[in-house]
Amino acid sequence: MHFLVDESTGTAVVESLRNAGHDVLFVGEAMPQADDDQIIDRAAEENRVIVTNDKHFGQLVFRSGKAHHGVLLFRLRDESAVNRVRKVKLVVEKYAGRLEDSFIVATEGMIRIRRAIKAQ
């Protein structure tokens, strides 16, 4: 799969996804300090699922109707790198076929997947 990992999510998640064979673009490497609009636009252009801790992406998708290829939003109480890596592995392994074109919220206790209507 193709992912774009937000700076807020961190390098441990980037490394984990890359080690699993995924194509990962890390905002911190490719477009440091990019704003959320630039990030979602690039991810949509390159058919990448965004992995982020920033709930503003929900506003961009659902309120502003921004085109996207998928968003995985972490809302974790334990923000440690170990917990984020554990959760991203779980989500990708269990829901790989449902990540694209969806908005996924992952907490310690649940994973909510909402199909998002793609803007044309």
PDB file of N, CA and C in Angstrom:
ATOM      1  N   MET A   1       0.847  -1.184   0.000  1.00  0.00           N
ATOM      2  CA  MET A   1       0.000   0.000   0.000  1.00  0.00           C
ATOM      3  C   MET A   1       0.883   1.236   0.000  1.00  0.00           C
ATOM      4  N   HIS A   2       0.261   2.344  -0.332  1.00  0.00           N
ATOM      5  CA  HIS A   2       0.947   3.635  -0.358  1.00  0.00           C
ATOM      6  C   HIS A   2       0.412   4.488   0.780  1.00  0.00           C
ATOM      7  N   PHE A   3       1.327   4.977   1.617  1.00  0.00           N
ATOM      8  CA  PHE A   3       0.960   5.797   2.766  1.00  0.00           C
ATOM      9  C   PHE A   3       1.695   7.126   2.736  1.00  0.00           C
ATOM     10  N   LEU A   4       1.076   8.121   3.349  1.00  0.00           N
ATOM     11  CA  LEU A   4       1.721   9.388   3.642  1.00  0.00           C
ATOM     12  C   LEU A   4       1.575   9.574   5.151  1.00  0.00           C
ATOM     13  N   VAL A   5       2.700   9.568   5.860  1.00  0.00           N
ATOM     14  CA  VAL A   5       2.678   9.654   7.315  1.00  0.00           C
ATOM     15  C   VAL A   5       2.972  11.085   7.733  1.00  0.00           C
ATOM     16  N   ASP A   6       2.058  11.650   8.500  1.00  0.00           N
ATOM     17  CA  ASP A   6       2.175  13.014   9.015  1.00  0.00           C
ATOM     18  C   ASP A   6       3.315  13.093  10.035  1.00  0.00           C
ATOM     19  N   GLU A   7       3.903  14.263  10.145  1.00  0.00           N
ATOM     20  CA  GLU A   7       4.996  14.472  11.101  1.00  0.00           C
ATOM     21  C   GLU A   7       4.579  14.137  12.525  1.00  0.00           C
ATOM     22  N   SER A   8       3.333  14.418  12.882  1.00  0.00           N
ATOM     23  CA  SER A   8       2.866  14.187  14.249  1.00  0.00           C
ATOM     24  C   SER A   8       2.848  12.707  14.622  1.00  0.00           C
ATOM     25  N   THR A   9       2.819  11.848  13.639  1.00  0.00           N
ATOM     26  CA  THR A   9       2.732  10.413  13.888  1.00  0.00           C
ATOM     27  C   THR A   9       4.095   9.800  14.162  1.00  0.00           C
ATOM     28  N   GLY A  10       5.129  10.347  13.578  1.00  0.00           N
ATOM     29  CA  GLY A  10       6.485   9.959  13.935  1.00  0.00           C
ATOM     30  C   GLY A  10       7.165   8.931  13.060  1.00  0.00           C
ATOM     31  N   THR A  11       8.478   8.874  13.237  1.00  0.00           N
ATOM     32  CA  THR A  11       9.320   8.023  12.403  1.00  0.00           C
ATOM     33  C   THR A  11       9.198   6.535  12.718  1.00  0.00           C
ATOM     34  N   ALA A  12       8.817   6.180  13.927  1.00  0.00           N
ATOM     35  CA  ALA A  12       8.675   4.755  14.250  1.00  0.00           C
ATOM     36  C   ALA A  12       7.587   4.116  13.390  1.00  0.00           C
ATOM     37  N   VAL A  13       6.504   4.822  13.153  1.00  0.00           N
ATOM     38  CA  VAL A  13       5.433   4.318  12.301  1.00  0.00           C
ATOM     39  C   VAL A  13       5.921   4.230  10.857  1.00  0.00           C
ATOM     40  N   VAL A  14       6.672   5.232  10.422  1.00  0.00           N
ATOM     41  CA  VAL A  14       7.243   5.225   9.065  1.00  0.00           C
ATOM     42  C   VAL A  14       8.110   3.984   8.880  1.00  0.00           C
ATOM     43  N   GLU A  15       9.025   3.760   9.804  1.00  0.00           N
ATOM     44  CA  GLU A  15       9.935   2.616   9.718  1.00  0.00           C
ATOM     45  C   GLU A  15       9.184   1.295   9.742  1.00  0.00           C
ATOM     46  N   SER A  16       8.174   1.194  10.587  1.00  0.00           N
ATOM     47  CA  SER A  16       7.388  -0.033  10.672  1.00  0.00           C
ATOM     48  C   SER A  16       6.689  -0.339   9.352  1.00  0.00           C
ATOM     49  N   LEU A  17       6.058   0.662   8.768  1.00  0.00           N
ATOM     50  CA  LEU A  17       5.367   0.466   7.495  1.00  0.00           C
ATOM     51  C   LEU A  17       6.349   0.132   6.374  1.00  0.00           C
ATOM     52  N   ARG A  18       7.474   0.820   6.342  1.00  0.00           N
ATOM     53  CA  ARG A  18       8.491   0.530   5.314  1.00  0.00           C
ATOM     54  C   ARG A  18       9.040  -0.886   5.484  1.00  0.00           C
ATOM     55  N   ASN A  19       9.303  -1.285   6.719  1.00  0.00           N
ATOM     56  CA  ASN A  19       9.821  -2.629   6.971  1.00  0.00           C
ATOM     57  C   ASN A  19       8.830  -3.706   6.560  1.00  0.00           C
ATOM     58  N   ALA A  20       7.549  -3.364   6.558  1.00  0.00           N
ATOM     59  CA  ALA A  20       6.514  -4.308   6.128  1.00  0.00           C
ATOM     60  C   ALA A  20       6.325  -4.296   4.606  1.00  0.00           C
ATOM     61  N   GLY A  21       7.128  -3.489   3.907  1.00  0.00           N
ATOM     62  CA  GLY A  21       7.108  -3.477   2.448  1.00  0.00           C
ATOM     63  C   GLY A  21       6.206  -2.438   1.807  1.00  0.00           C
ATOM     64  N   HIS A  22       5.690  -1.520   2.600  1.00  0.00           N
ATOM     65  CA  HIS A  22       4.808  -0.489   2.047  1.00  0.00           C
ATOM     66  C   HIS A  22       5.609   0.695   1.507  1.00  0.00           C
ATOM     67  N   ASP A  23       5.014   1.392   0.564  1.00  0.00           N
ATOM     68  CA  ASP A  23       5.583   2.621  -0.001  1.00  0.00           C
ATOM     69  C   ASP A  23       5.138   3.761   0.908  1.00  0.00           C
ATOM     70  N   VAL A  24       6.092   4.369   1.609  1.00  0.00           N
ATOM     71  CA  VAL A  24       5.753   5.376   2.613  1.00  0.00           C
ATOM     72  C   VAL A  24       6.462   6.686   2.320  1.00  0.00           C
ATOM     73  N   LEU A  25       5.676   7.744   2.235  1.00  0.00           N
ATOM     74  CA  LEU A  25       6.194   9.101   2.134  1.00  0.00           C
ATOM     75  C   LEU A  25       6.009   9.734   3.508  1.00  0.00           C
ATOM     76  N   PHE A  26       7.102  10.227   4.090  1.00  0.00           N
ATOM     77  CA  PHE A  26       7.038  10.864   5.407  1.00  0.00           C
ATOM     78  C   PHE A  26       7.102  12.368   5.223  1.00  0.00           C
ATOM     79  N   VAL A  27       6.110  13.059   5.756  1.00  0.00           N
ATOM     80  CA  VAL A  27       6.042  14.514   5.624  1.00  0.00           C
ATOM     81  C   VAL A  27       7.333  15.164   6.121  1.00  0.00           C
ATOM     82  N   GLY A  28       7.901  14.652   7.212  1.00  0.00           N
ATOM     83  CA  GLY A  28       9.125  15.213   7.774  1.00  0.00           C
ATOM     84  C   GLY A  28      10.315  15.147   6.834  1.00  0.00           C
ATOM     85  N   GLU A  29      10.307  14.207   5.907  1.00  0.00           N
ATOM     86  CA  GLU A  29      11.393  14.066   4.930  1.00  0.00           C
ATOM     87  C   GLU A  29      11.070  14.784   3.626  1.00  0.00           C
ATOM     88  N   ALA A  30       9.877  14.576   3.119  1.00  0.00           N
ATOM     89  CA  ALA A  30       9.527  15.019   1.775  1.00  0.00           C
ATOM     90  C   ALA A  30       8.943  16.423   1.696  1.00  0.00           C
ATOM     91  N   MET A  31       8.292  16.849   2.759  1.00  0.00           N
ATOM     92  CA  MET A  31       7.637  18.157   2.727  1.00  0.00           C
ATOM     93  C   MET A  31       7.525  18.737   4.144  1.00  0.00           C
ATOM     94  N   PRO A  32       8.687  18.948   4.790  1.00  0.00           N
ATOM     95  CA  PRO A  32       8.664  19.418   6.180  1.00  0.00           C
ATOM     96  C   PRO A  32       7.848  20.701   6.343  1.00  0.00           C
ATOM     97  N   GLN A  33       7.116  20.735   7.415  1.00  0.00           N
ATOM     98  CA  GLN A  33       6.308  21.886   7.802  1.00  0.00           C
ATOM     99  C   GLN A  33       5.190  22.210   6.816  1.00  0.00           C
ATOM    100  N   ALA A  34       4.804  21.219   6.008  1.00  0.00           N
ATOM    101  CA  ALA A  34       3.678  21.423   5.096  1.00  0.00           C
ATOM    102  C   ALA A  34       2.402  21.557   5.924  1.00  0.00           C
ATOM    103  N   ASP A  35       1.462  22.354   5.420  1.00  0.00           N
ATOM    104  CA  ASP A  35       0.199  22.467   6.148  1.00  0.00           C
ATOM    105  C   ASP A  35      -0.730  21.324   5.736  1.00  0.00           C
ATOM    106  N   ASP A  36      -1.816  21.173   6.469  1.00  0.00           N
ATOM    107  CA  ASP A  36      -2.709  20.038   6.269  1.00  0.00           C
ATOM    108  C   ASP A  36      -3.316  20.010   4.868  1.00  0.00           C
ATOM    109  N   ASP A  37      -3.616  21.169   4.292  1.00  0.00           N
ATOM    110  CA  ASP A  37      -4.154  21.211   2.932  1.00  0.00           C
ATOM    111  C   ASP A  37      -3.144  20.668   1.927  1.00  0.00           C
ATOM    112  N   GLN A  38      -1.879  21.049   2.079  1.00  0.00           N
ATOM    113  CA  GLN A  38      -0.836  20.549   1.181  1.00  0.00           C
ATOM    114  C   GLN A  38      -0.673  19.036   1.332  1.00  0.00           C
ATOM    115  N   ILE A  39      -0.756  18.555   2.565  1.00  0.00           N
ATOM    116  CA  ILE A  39      -0.595  17.127   2.830  1.00  0.00           C
ATOM    117  C   ILE A  39      -1.724  16.328   2.204  1.00  0.00           C
ATOM    118  N   ILE A  40      -2.962  16.748   2.428  1.00  0.00           N
ATOM    119  CA  ILE A  40      -4.097  15.986   1.886  1.00  0.00           C
ATOM    120  C   ILE A  40      -4.124  16.051   0.366  1.00  0.00           C
ATOM    121  N   ASP A  41      -3.727  17.186  -0.204  1.00  0.00           N
ATOM    122  CA  ASP A  41      -3.683  17.308  -1.664  1.00  0.00           C
ATOM    123  C   ASP A  41      -2.645  16.365  -2.265  1.00  0.00           C
ATOM    124  N   ARG A  42      -1.461  16.318  -1.669  1.00  0.00           N
ATOM    125  CA  ARG A  42      -0.414  15.436  -2.196  1.00  0.00           C
ATOM    126  C   ARG A  42      -0.812  13.972  -2.047  1.00  0.00           C
ATOM    127  N   ALA A  43      -1.373  13.630  -0.913  1.00  0.00           N
ATOM    128  CA  ALA A  43      -1.807  12.249  -0.704  1.00  0.00           C
ATOM    129  C   ALA A  43      -2.863  11.853  -1.737  1.00  0.00           C
ATOM    130  N   ALA A  44      -3.793  12.741  -2.025  1.00  0.00           N
ATOM    131  CA  ALA A  44      -4.834  12.449  -3.019  1.00  0.00           C
ATOM    132  C   ALA A  44      -4.222  12.291  -4.410  1.00  0.00           C
ATOM    133  N   GLU A  45      -3.297  13.177  -4.758  1.00  0.00           N
ATOM    134  CA  GLU A  45      -2.647  13.120  -6.073  1.00  0.00           C
ATOM    135  C   GLU A  45      -1.881  11.815  -6.266  1.00  0.00           C
ATOM    136  N   GLU A  46      -1.273  11.305  -5.194  1.00  0.00           N
ATOM    137  CA  GLU A  46      -0.421  10.114  -5.279  1.00  0.00           C
ATOM    138  C   GLU A  46      -1.125   8.841  -4.773  1.00  0.00           C
ATOM    139  N   ASN A  47      -2.436   8.931  -4.534  1.00  0.00           N
ATOM    140  CA  ASN A  47      -3.217   7.781  -4.052  1.00  0.00           C
ATOM    141  C   ASN A  47      -2.600   7.154  -2.805  1.00  0.00           C
ATOM    142  N   ARG A  48      -2.336   7.993  -1.809  1.00  0.00           N
ATOM    143  CA  ARG A  48      -1.749   7.551  -0.542  1.00  0.00           C
ATOM    144  C   ARG A  48      -2.760   7.711   0.588  1.00  0.00           C
ATOM    145  N   VAL A  49      -2.765   6.768   1.494  1.00  0.00           N
ATOM    146  CA  VAL A  49      -3.578   6.851   2.703  1.00  0.00           C
ATOM    147  C   VAL A  49      -2.775   7.650   3.732  1.00  0.00           C
ATOM    148  N   ILE A  50      -3.379   8.677   4.286  1.00  0.00           N
ATOM    149  CA  ILE A  50      -2.732   9.505   5.300  1.00  0.00           C
ATOM    150  C   ILE A  50      -2.811   8.806   6.649  1.00  0.00           C
ATOM    151  N   VAL A  51      -1.689   8.785   7.362  1.00  0.00           N
ATOM    152  CA  VAL A  51      -1.645   8.277   8.738  1.00  0.00           C
ATOM    153  C   VAL A  51      -1.286   9.470   9.613  1.00  0.00           C
ATOM    154  N   THR A  52      -2.149   9.801  10.571  1.00  0.00           N
ATOM    155  CA  THR A  52      -1.970  11.037  11.323  1.00  0.00           C
ATOM    156  C   THR A  52      -2.543  10.941  12.737  1.00  0.00           C
ATOM    157  N   ASN A  53      -2.139  11.870  13.571  1.00  0.00           N
ATOM    158  CA  ASN A  53      -2.722  12.072  14.899  1.00  0.00           C
ATOM    159  C   ASN A  53      -3.535  13.365  14.911  1.00  0.00           C
ATOM    160  N   ASP A  54      -3.616  14.054  13.794  1.00  0.00           N
ATOM    161  CA  ASP A  54      -4.203  15.385  13.692  1.00  0.00           C
ATOM    162  C   ASP A  54      -5.671  15.299  13.271  1.00  0.00           C
ATOM    163  N   LYS A  55      -6.579  15.607  14.206  1.00  0.00           N
ATOM    164  CA  LYS A  55      -8.008  15.482  13.912  1.00  0.00           C
ATOM    165  C   LYS A  55      -8.517  16.523  12.917  1.00  0.00           C
ATOM    166  N   HIS A  56      -7.704  17.502  12.562  1.00  0.00           N
ATOM    167  CA  HIS A  56      -8.095  18.497  11.565  1.00  0.00           C
ATOM    168  C   HIS A  56      -8.386  17.852  10.207  1.00  0.00           C
ATOM    169  N   PHE A  57      -7.784  16.685   9.951  1.00  0.00           N
ATOM    170  CA  PHE A  57      -8.057  16.006   8.682  1.00  0.00           C
ATOM    171  C   PHE A  57      -9.521  15.590   8.582  1.00  0.00           C
ATOM    172  N   GLY A  58     -10.157  15.316   9.693  1.00  0.00           N
ATOM    173  CA  GLY A  58     -11.589  15.019   9.687  1.00  0.00           C
ATOM    174  C   GLY A  58     -12.398  16.206   9.214  1.00  0.00           C
ATOM    175  N   GLN A  59     -12.014  17.389   9.641  1.00  0.00           N
ATOM    176  CA  GLN A  59     -12.694  18.602   9.186  1.00  0.00           C
ATOM    177  C   GLN A  59     -12.486  18.815   7.693  1.00  0.00           C
ATOM    178  N   LEU A  60     -11.275  18.556   7.217  1.00  0.00           N
ATOM    179  CA  LEU A  60     -10.997  18.727   5.791  1.00  0.00           C
ATOM    180  C   LEU A  60     -11.812  17.752   4.943  1.00  0.00           C
ATOM    181  N   VAL A  61     -11.952  16.529   5.413  1.00  0.00           N
ATOM    182  CA  VAL A  61     -12.678  15.511   4.651  1.00  0.00           C
ATOM    183  C   VAL A  61     -14.184  15.711   4.732  1.00  0.00           C
ATOM    184  N   PHE A  62     -14.703  15.871   5.937  1.00  0.00           N
ATOM    185  CA  PHE A  62     -16.153  15.865   6.107  1.00  0.00           C
ATOM    186  C   PHE A  62     -16.798  17.244   6.030  1.00  0.00           C
ATOM    187  N   ARG A  63     -16.144  18.267   6.486  1.00  0.00           N
ATOM    188  CA  ARG A  63     -16.746  19.607   6.421  1.00  0.00           C
ATOM    189  C   ARG A  63     -16.386  20.337   5.135  1.00  0.00           C
ATOM    190  N   SER A  64     -15.141  20.196   4.709  1.00  0.00           N
ATOM    191  CA  SER A  64     -14.676  20.917   3.520  1.00  0.00           C
ATOM    192  C   SER A  64     -14.785  20.091   2.251  1.00  0.00           C
ATOM    193  N   GLY A  65     -14.999  18.783   2.390  1.00  0.00           N
ATOM    194  CA  GLY A  65     -15.160  17.939   1.217  1.00  0.00           C
ATOM    195  C   GLY A  65     -13.891  17.736   0.402  1.00  0.00           C
ATOM    196  N   LYS A  66     -12.730  17.808   1.056  1.00  0.00           N
ATOM    197  CA  LYS A  66     -11.461  17.652   0.342  1.00  0.00           C
ATOM    198  C   LYS A  66     -11.334  16.237  -0.220  1.00  0.00           C
ATOM    199  N   ALA A  67     -10.834  16.156  -1.441  1.00  0.00           N
ATOM    200  CA  ALA A  67     -10.554  14.862  -2.049  1.00  0.00           C
ATOM    201  C   ALA A  67      -9.437  14.184  -1.260  1.00  0.00           C
ATOM    202  N   HIS A  68      -9.545  12.863  -1.132  1.00  0.00           N
ATOM    203  CA  HIS A  68      -8.535  12.102  -0.404  1.00  0.00           C
ATOM    204  C   HIS A  68      -8.575  10.667  -0.887  1.00  0.00           C
ATOM    205  N   HIS A  69      -7.576   9.900  -0.464  1.00  0.00           N
ATOM    206  CA  HIS A  69      -7.515   8.482  -0.821  1.00  0.00           C
ATOM    207  C   HIS A  69      -7.722   7.598   0.409  1.00  0.00           C
ATOM    208  N   GLY A  70      -7.838   8.241   1.557  1.00  0.00           N
ATOM    209  CA  GLY A  70      -8.039   7.536   2.815  1.00  0.00           C
ATOM    210  C   GLY A  70      -7.272   8.226   3.923  1.00  0.00           C
ATOM    211  N   VAL A  71      -7.821   8.156   5.133  1.00  0.00           N
ATOM    212  CA  VAL A  71      -7.179   8.756   6.306  1.00  0.00           C
ATOM    213  C   VAL A  71      -7.303   7.769   7.462  1.00  0.00           C
ATOM    214  N   LEU A  72      -6.173   7.515   8.116  1.00  0.00           N
ATOM    215  CA  LEU A  72      -6.143   6.736   9.354  1.00  0.00           C
ATOM    216  C   LEU A  72      -5.745   7.702  10.465  1.00  0.00           C
ATOM    217  N   LEU A  73      -6.699   7.995  11.340  1.00  0.00           N
ATOM    218  CA  LEU A  73      -6.498   8.950  12.424  1.00  0.00           C
ATOM    219  C   LEU A  73      -6.356   8.207  13.742  1.00  0.00           C
ATOM    220  N   PHE A  74      -5.231   8.414  14.414  1.00  0.00           N
ATOM    221  CA  PHE A  74      -5.016   7.850  15.741  1.00  0.00           C
ATOM    222  C   PHE A  74      -5.527   8.811  16.798  1.00  0.00           C
ATOM    223  N   ARG A  75      -6.362   8.297  17.703  1.00  0.00           N
ATOM    224  CA  ARG A  75      -6.838   9.039  18.869  1.00  0.00           C
ATOM    225  C   ARG A  75      -6.476   8.188  20.085  1.00  0.00           C
ATOM    226  N   LEU A  76      -5.185   8.141  20.386  1.00  0.00           N
ATOM    227  CA  LEU A  76      -4.667   7.243  21.412  1.00  0.00           C
ATOM    228  C   LEU A  76      -4.366   7.991  22.705  1.00  0.00           C
ATOM    229  N   ARG A  77      -4.707   7.364  23.823  1.00  0.00           N
ATOM    230  CA  ARG A  77      -4.322   7.934  25.125  1.00  0.00           C
ATOM    231  C   ARG A  77      -2.824   7.744  25.330  1.00  0.00           C
ATOM    232  N   ASP A  78      -2.328   6.576  24.968  1.00  0.00           N
ATOM    233  CA  ASP A  78      -0.902   6.274  25.054  1.00  0.00           C
ATOM    234  C   ASP A  78      -0.272   6.631  23.712  1.00  0.00           C
ATOM    235  N   GLU A  79       0.383   7.783  23.657  1.00  0.00           N
ATOM    236  CA  GLU A  79       0.966   8.293  22.416  1.00  0.00           C
ATOM    237  C   GLU A  79       2.387   7.795  22.182  1.00  0.00           C
ATOM    238  N   SER A  80       2.815   6.784  22.905  1.00  0.00           N
ATOM    239  CA  SER A  80       4.180   6.283  22.727  1.00  0.00           C
ATOM    240  C   SER A  80       4.356   5.695  21.334  1.00  0.00           C
ATOM    241  N   ALA A  81       5.591   5.719  20.872  1.00  0.00           N
ATOM    242  CA  ALA A  81       5.905   5.159  19.556  1.00  0.00           C
ATOM    243  C   ALA A  81       5.543   3.680  19.502  1.00  0.00           C
ATOM    244  N   VAL A  82       5.802   2.963  20.575  1.00  0.00           N
ATOM    245  CA  VAL A  82       5.493   1.531  20.621  1.00  0.00           C
ATOM    246  C   VAL A  82       3.995   1.302  20.424  1.00  0.00           C
ATOM    247  N   ASN A  83       3.165   2.086  21.065  1.00  0.00           N
ATOM    248  CA  ASN A  83       1.723   1.923  20.937  1.00  0.00           C
ATOM    249  C   ASN A  83       1.238   2.310  19.541  1.00  0.00           C
ATOM    250  N   ARG A  84       1.783   3.385  18.978  1.00  0.00           N
ATOM    251  CA  ARG A  84       1.388   3.781  17.620  1.00  0.00           C
ATOM    252  C   ARG A  84       1.760   2.705  16.607  1.00  0.00           C
ATOM    253  N   VAL A  85       2.967   2.139  16.738  1.00  0.00           N
ATOM    254  CA  VAL A  85       3.406   1.074  15.828  1.00  0.00           C
ATOM    255  C   VAL A  85       2.506  -0.148  15.983  1.00  0.00           C
ATOM    256  N   ARG A  86       2.210  -0.529  17.211  1.00  0.00           N
ATOM    257  CA  ARG A  86       1.329  -1.672  17.452  1.00  0.00           C
ATOM    258  C   ARG A  86      -0.024  -1.464  16.787  1.00  0.00           C
ATOM    259  N   LYS A  87      -0.563  -0.257  16.926  1.00  0.00           N
ATOM    260  CA  LYS A  87      -1.893   0.020  16.390  1.00  0.00           C
ATOM    261  C   LYS A  87      -1.885   0.076  14.864  1.00  0.00           C
ATOM    262  N   VAL A  88      -0.868   0.688  14.260  1.00  0.00           N
ATOM    263  CA  VAL A  88      -0.834   0.757  12.799  1.00  0.00           C
ATOM    264  C   VAL A  88      -0.689  -0.644  12.208  1.00  0.00           C
ATOM    265  N   LYS A  89       0.108  -1.495  12.839  1.00  0.00           N
ATOM    266  CA  LYS A  89       0.241  -2.879  12.365  1.00  0.00           C
ATOM    267  C   LYS A  89      -1.105  -3.590  12.425  1.00  0.00           C
ATOM    268  N   LEU A  90      -1.808  -3.445  13.531  1.00  0.00           N
ATOM    269  CA  LEU A  90      -3.101  -4.083  13.689  1.00  0.00           C
ATOM    270  C   LEU A  90      -4.089  -3.621  12.624  1.00  0.00           C
ATOM    271  N   VAL A  91      -4.182  -2.317  12.436  1.00  0.00           N
ATOM    272  CA  VAL A  91      -5.141  -1.765  11.476  1.00  0.00           C
ATOM    273  C   VAL A  91      -4.806  -2.224  10.061  1.00  0.00           C
ATOM    274  N   VAL A  92      -3.540  -2.135   9.680  1.00  0.00           N
ATOM    275  CA  VAL A  92      -3.155  -2.499   8.311  1.00  0.00           C
ATOM    276  C   VAL A  92      -3.353  -3.995   8.074  1.00  0.00           C
ATOM    277  N   GLU A  93      -2.981  -4.817   9.031  1.00  0.00           N
ATOM    278  CA  GLU A  93      -3.149  -6.266   8.863  1.00  0.00           C
ATOM    279  C   GLU A  93      -4.618  -6.666   8.796  1.00  0.00           C
ATOM    280  N   LYS A  94      -5.424  -6.094   9.652  1.00  0.00           N
ATOM    281  CA  LYS A  94      -6.816  -6.516   9.764  1.00  0.00           C
ATOM    282  C   LYS A  94      -7.747  -5.848   8.741  1.00  0.00           C
ATOM    283  N   TYR A  95      -7.439  -4.603   8.359  1.00  0.00           N
ATOM    284  CA  TYR A  95      -8.369  -3.831   7.532  1.00  0.00           C
ATOM    285  C   TYR A  95      -7.753  -3.305   6.239  1.00  0.00           C
ATOM    286  N   ALA A  96      -6.695  -3.926   5.746  1.00  0.00           N
ATOM    287  CA  ALA A  96      -5.992  -3.434   4.554  1.00  0.00           C
ATOM    288  C   ALA A  96      -6.934  -3.158   3.387  1.00  0.00           C
ATOM    289  N   GLY A  97      -7.889  -4.018   3.166  1.00  0.00           N
ATOM    290  CA  GLY A  97      -8.804  -3.851   2.047  1.00  0.00           C
ATOM    291  C   GLY A  97      -9.826  -2.746   2.212  1.00  0.00           C
ATOM    292  N   ARG A  98      -9.880  -2.166   3.396  1.00  0.00           N
ATOM    293  CA  ARG A  98     -10.883  -1.127   3.662  1.00  0.00           C
ATOM    294  C   ARG A  98     -10.278   0.249   3.921  1.00  0.00           C
ATOM    295  N   LEU A  99      -8.953   0.373   3.851  1.00  0.00           N
ATOM    296  CA  LEU A  99      -8.311   1.647   4.174  1.00  0.00           C
ATOM    297  C   LEU A  99      -8.521   2.706   3.096  1.00  0.00           C
ATOM    298  N   GLU A 100      -8.433   2.281   1.849  1.00  0.00           N
ATOM    299  CA  GLU A 100      -8.562   3.249   0.770  1.00  0.00           C
ATOM    300  C   GLU A 100      -9.976   3.810   0.711  1.00  0.00           C
ATOM    301  N   ASP A 101     -10.048   5.117   0.526  1.00  0.00           N
ATOM    302  CA  ASP A 101     -11.317   5.843   0.413  1.00  0.00           C
ATOM    303  C   ASP A 101     -12.166   5.796   1.677  1.00  0.00           C
ATOM    304  N   SER A 102     -11.531   5.525   2.815  1.00  0.00           N
ATOM    305  CA  SER A 102     -12.236   5.504   4.094  1.00  0.00           C
ATOM    306  C   SER A 102     -11.585   6.480   5.060  1.00  0.00           C
ATOM    307  N   PHE A 103     -12.346   6.829   6.070  1.00  0.00           N
ATOM    308  CA  PHE A 103     -11.814   7.609   7.186  1.00  0.00           C
ATOM    309  C   PHE A 103     -11.879   6.685   8.392  1.00  0.00           C
ATOM    310  N   ILE A 104     -10.713   6.335   8.912  1.00  0.00           N
ATOM    311  CA  ILE A 104     -10.615   5.365   9.995  1.00  0.00           C
ATOM    312  C   ILE A 104     -10.142   6.077  11.250  1.00  0.00           C
ATOM    313  N   VAL A 105     -10.832   5.871  12.339  1.00  0.00           N
ATOM    314  CA  VAL A 105     -10.403   6.373  13.636  1.00  0.00           C
ATOM    315  C   VAL A 105     -10.025   5.176  14.485  1.00  0.00           C
ATOM    316  N   ALA A 106      -8.792   5.193  15.010  1.00  0.00           N
ATOM    317  CA  ALA A 106      -8.305   4.080  15.816  1.00  0.00           C
ATOM    318  C   ALA A 106      -7.957   4.571  17.213  1.00  0.00           C
ATOM    319  N   THR A 107      -8.577   3.958  18.212  1.00  0.00           N
ATOM    320  CA  THR A 107      -8.243   4.212  19.606  1.00  0.00           C
ATOM    321  C   THR A 107      -7.747   2.891  20.190  1.00  0.00           C
ATOM    322  N   GLU A 108      -7.392   2.897  21.457  1.00  0.00           N
ATOM    323  CA  GLU A 108      -6.980   1.643  22.085  1.00  0.00           C
ATOM    324  C   GLU A 108      -8.103   0.616  22.074  1.00  0.00           C
ATOM    325  N   GLY A 109      -9.344   1.069  22.212  1.00  0.00           N
ATOM    326  CA  GLY A 109     -10.458   0.152  22.371  1.00  0.00           C
ATOM    327  C   GLY A 109     -11.292  -0.128  21.152  1.00  0.00           C
ATOM    328  N   MET A 110     -11.136   0.652  20.078  1.00  0.00           N
ATOM    329  CA  MET A 110     -11.996   0.426  18.922  1.00  0.00           C
ATOM    330  C   MET A 110     -11.357   0.967  17.657  1.00  0.00           C
ATOM    331  N   ILE A 111     -11.889   0.471  16.545  1.00  0.00           N
ATOM    332  CA  ILE A 111     -11.525   0.972  15.224  1.00  0.00           C
ATOM    333  C   ILE A 111     -12.832   1.248  14.504  1.00  0.00           C
ATOM    334  N   ARG A 112     -13.032   2.509  14.115  1.00  0.00           N
ATOM    335  CA  ARG A 112     -14.259   2.904  13.415  1.00  0.00           C
ATOM    336  C   ARG A 112     -13.894   3.254  11.976  1.00  0.00           C
ATOM    337  N   ILE A 113     -14.566   2.626  11.038  1.00  0.00           N
ATOM    338  CA  ILE A 113     -14.295   2.849   9.619  1.00  0.00           C
ATOM    339  C   ILE A 113     -15.527   3.458   8.988  1.00  0.00           C
ATOM    340  N   ARG A 114     -15.317   4.579   8.365  1.00  0.00           N
ATOM    341  CA  ARG A 114     -16.418   5.271   7.689  1.00  0.00           C
ATOM    342  C   ARG A 114     -16.009   5.508   6.247  1.00  0.00           C
ATOM    343  N   ARG A 115     -16.766   4.958   5.339  1.00  0.00           N
ATOM    344  CA  ARG A 115     -16.489   5.203   3.932  1.00  0.00           C
ATOM    345  C   ARG A 115     -16.750   6.677   3.670  1.00  0.00           C
ATOM    346  N   ALA A 116     -15.809   7.309   3.047  1.00  0.00           N
ATOM    347  CA  ALA A 116     -15.946   8.736   2.746  1.00  0.00           C
ATOM    348  C   ALA A 116     -16.194   8.902   1.262  1.00  0.00           C
ATOM    349  N   ILE A 117     -17.133   9.733   0.961  1.00  0.00           N
ATOM    350  CA  ILE A 117     -17.450  10.008  -0.448  1.00  0.00           C
ATOM    351  C   ILE A 117     -16.308  10.822  -1.019  1.00  0.00           C
ATOM    352  N   LYS A 118     -15.779  10.334  -2.138  1.00  0.00           N
ATOM    353  CA  LYS A 118     -14.679  11.027  -2.789  1.00  0.00           C
ATOM    354  C   LYS A 118     -15.216  12.234  -3.542  1.00  0.00           C
ATOM    355  N   ALA A 119     -14.526  13.347  -3.366  1.00  0.00           N
ATOM    356  CA  ALA A 119     -14.869  14.546  -4.139  1.00  0.00           C
ATOM    357  C   ALA A 119     -14.425  14.343  -5.569  1.00  0.00           C
ATOM    358  N   GLN A 120     -15.164  14.859  -6.487  1.00  0.00           N
ATOM    359  CA  GLN A 120     -14.820  14.722  -7.913  1.00  0.00           C
ATOM    360  C   GLN A 120     -14.104  15.953  -8.402  1.00  0.00           C
TER     361      GLN A 120
END
